[in-house]
């Protein structure tokens, strides 16, 4: 998988998230469908959750 400037980012925000199998499942499906997406984990402490969500608004 190659991530470039046009790659759309999908993911899960939380704490904990390191145990999640979601990236493996979703990225396999994304690769199979040849989509320009990547699924990632966003480790965010509860105290930073509001700011993390607010920051998502800056992503076009």
C-alpha atoms as a PDB file:
ATOM      1  CA  UNK A   1       0.000   0.000   0.000  1.00  0.00           C
ATOM      2  CA  UNK A   2       1.289   3.424  -0.933  1.00  0.00           C
ATOM      3  CA  UNK A   3      -0.006   6.499   0.871  1.00  0.00           C
ATOM      4  CA  UNK A   4       0.084   9.689  -1.208  1.00  0.00           C
ATOM      5  CA  UNK A   5      -1.418  13.157  -0.937  1.00  0.00           C
ATOM      6  CA  UNK A   6      -4.759  12.008  -2.341  1.00  0.00           C
ATOM      7  CA  UNK A   7      -5.100   9.007  -0.012  1.00  0.00           C
ATOM      8  CA  UNK A   8      -8.207   9.236   2.171  1.00  0.00           C
ATOM      9  CA  UNK A   9      -7.705   8.389   5.845  1.00  0.00           C
ATOM     10  CA  UNK A  10     -10.117   6.184   7.744  1.00  0.00           C
ATOM     11  CA  UNK A  11      -9.674   5.023  11.287  1.00  0.00           C
ATOM     12  CA  UNK A  12     -10.714   4.581  14.854  1.00  0.00           C
ATOM     13  CA  UNK A  13     -10.050   6.971  17.714  1.00  0.00           C
ATOM     14  CA  UNK A  14      -9.709   5.642  21.214  1.00  0.00           C
ATOM     15  CA  UNK A  15      -7.732   4.381  24.157  1.00  0.00           C
ATOM     16  CA  UNK A  16      -6.890   1.587  24.008  1.00  0.00           C
ATOM     17  CA  UNK A  17      -6.856   0.853  20.295  1.00  0.00           C
ATOM     18  CA  UNK A  18      -3.615  -1.107  19.872  1.00  0.00           C
ATOM     19  CA  UNK A  19      -5.455  -4.434  20.185  1.00  0.00           C
ATOM     20  CA  UNK A  20      -7.838  -3.650  17.322  1.00  0.00           C
ATOM     21  CA  UNK A  21      -7.845  -5.918  14.295  1.00  0.00           C
ATOM     22  CA  UNK A  22      -9.739  -3.291  12.300  1.00  0.00           C
ATOM     23  CA  UNK A  23      -6.728  -2.014  10.326  1.00  0.00           C
ATOM     24  CA  UNK A  24      -5.874  -5.515   9.124  1.00  0.00           C
ATOM     25  CA  UNK A  25      -9.465  -6.214   8.037  1.00  0.00           C
ATOM     26  CA  UNK A  26     -10.207  -2.833   6.498  1.00  0.00           C
ATOM     27  CA  UNK A  27      -6.867  -2.424   4.742  1.00  0.00           C
ATOM     28  CA  UNK A  28      -7.233  -5.908   3.217  1.00  0.00           C
ATOM     29  CA  UNK A  29     -10.641  -4.936   1.830  1.00  0.00           C
ATOM     30  CA  UNK A  30      -9.308  -1.562   0.651  1.00  0.00           C
ATOM     31  CA  UNK A  31      -6.425  -3.263  -1.171  1.00  0.00           C
ATOM     32  CA  UNK A  32      -8.755  -5.843  -2.732  1.00  0.00           C
ATOM     33  CA  UNK A  33     -11.021  -3.072  -4.015  1.00  0.00           C
ATOM     34  CA  UNK A  34      -8.006  -1.015  -5.160  1.00  0.00           C
ATOM     35  CA  UNK A  35      -9.198   2.088  -3.312  1.00  0.00           C
ATOM     36  CA  UNK A  36      -7.017   5.061  -2.407  1.00  0.00           C
ATOM     37  CA  UNK A  37      -7.720   4.773   1.320  1.00  0.00           C
ATOM     38  CA  UNK A  38      -5.814   3.750   4.437  1.00  0.00           C
ATOM     39  CA  UNK A  39      -7.274   2.676   7.784  1.00  0.00           C
ATOM     40  CA  UNK A  40      -5.264   3.623  10.869  1.00  0.00           C
ATOM     41  CA  UNK A  41      -5.492   3.661  14.642  1.00  0.00           C
ATOM     42  CA  UNK A  42      -5.527   6.987  16.455  1.00  0.00           C
ATOM     43  CA  UNK A  43      -4.501   6.568  20.095  1.00  0.00           C
ATOM     44  CA  UNK A  44      -6.104   9.494  21.909  1.00  0.00           C
ATOM     45  CA  UNK A  45      -6.337   9.996  25.657  1.00  0.00           C
ATOM     46  CA  UNK A  46      -9.806  10.926  26.894  1.00  0.00           C
ATOM     47  CA  UNK A  47      -8.518  14.365  27.908  1.00  0.00           C
ATOM     48  CA  UNK A  48      -7.549  15.056  24.281  1.00  0.00           C
ATOM     49  CA  UNK A  49     -10.622  13.599  22.629  1.00  0.00           C
ATOM     50  CA  UNK A  50     -12.447  16.904  22.015  1.00  0.00           C
ATOM     51  CA  UNK A  51      -9.350  18.435  20.433  1.00  0.00           C
ATOM     52  CA  UNK A  52      -8.768  15.339  18.308  1.00  0.00           C
ATOM     53  CA  UNK A  53     -12.290  15.438  16.937  1.00  0.00           C
ATOM     54  CA  UNK A  54     -12.062  19.202  16.393  1.00  0.00           C
ATOM     55  CA  UNK A  55      -8.850  18.650  14.422  1.00  0.00           C
ATOM     56  CA  UNK A  56     -10.629  16.244  12.082  1.00  0.00           C
ATOM     57  CA  UNK A  57     -12.581  19.217  10.770  1.00  0.00           C
ATOM     58  CA  UNK A  58      -9.371  20.559   9.249  1.00  0.00           C
ATOM     59  CA  UNK A  59      -8.944  17.479   7.056  1.00  0.00           C
ATOM     60  CA  UNK A  60     -10.500  17.938   3.637  1.00  0.00           C
END
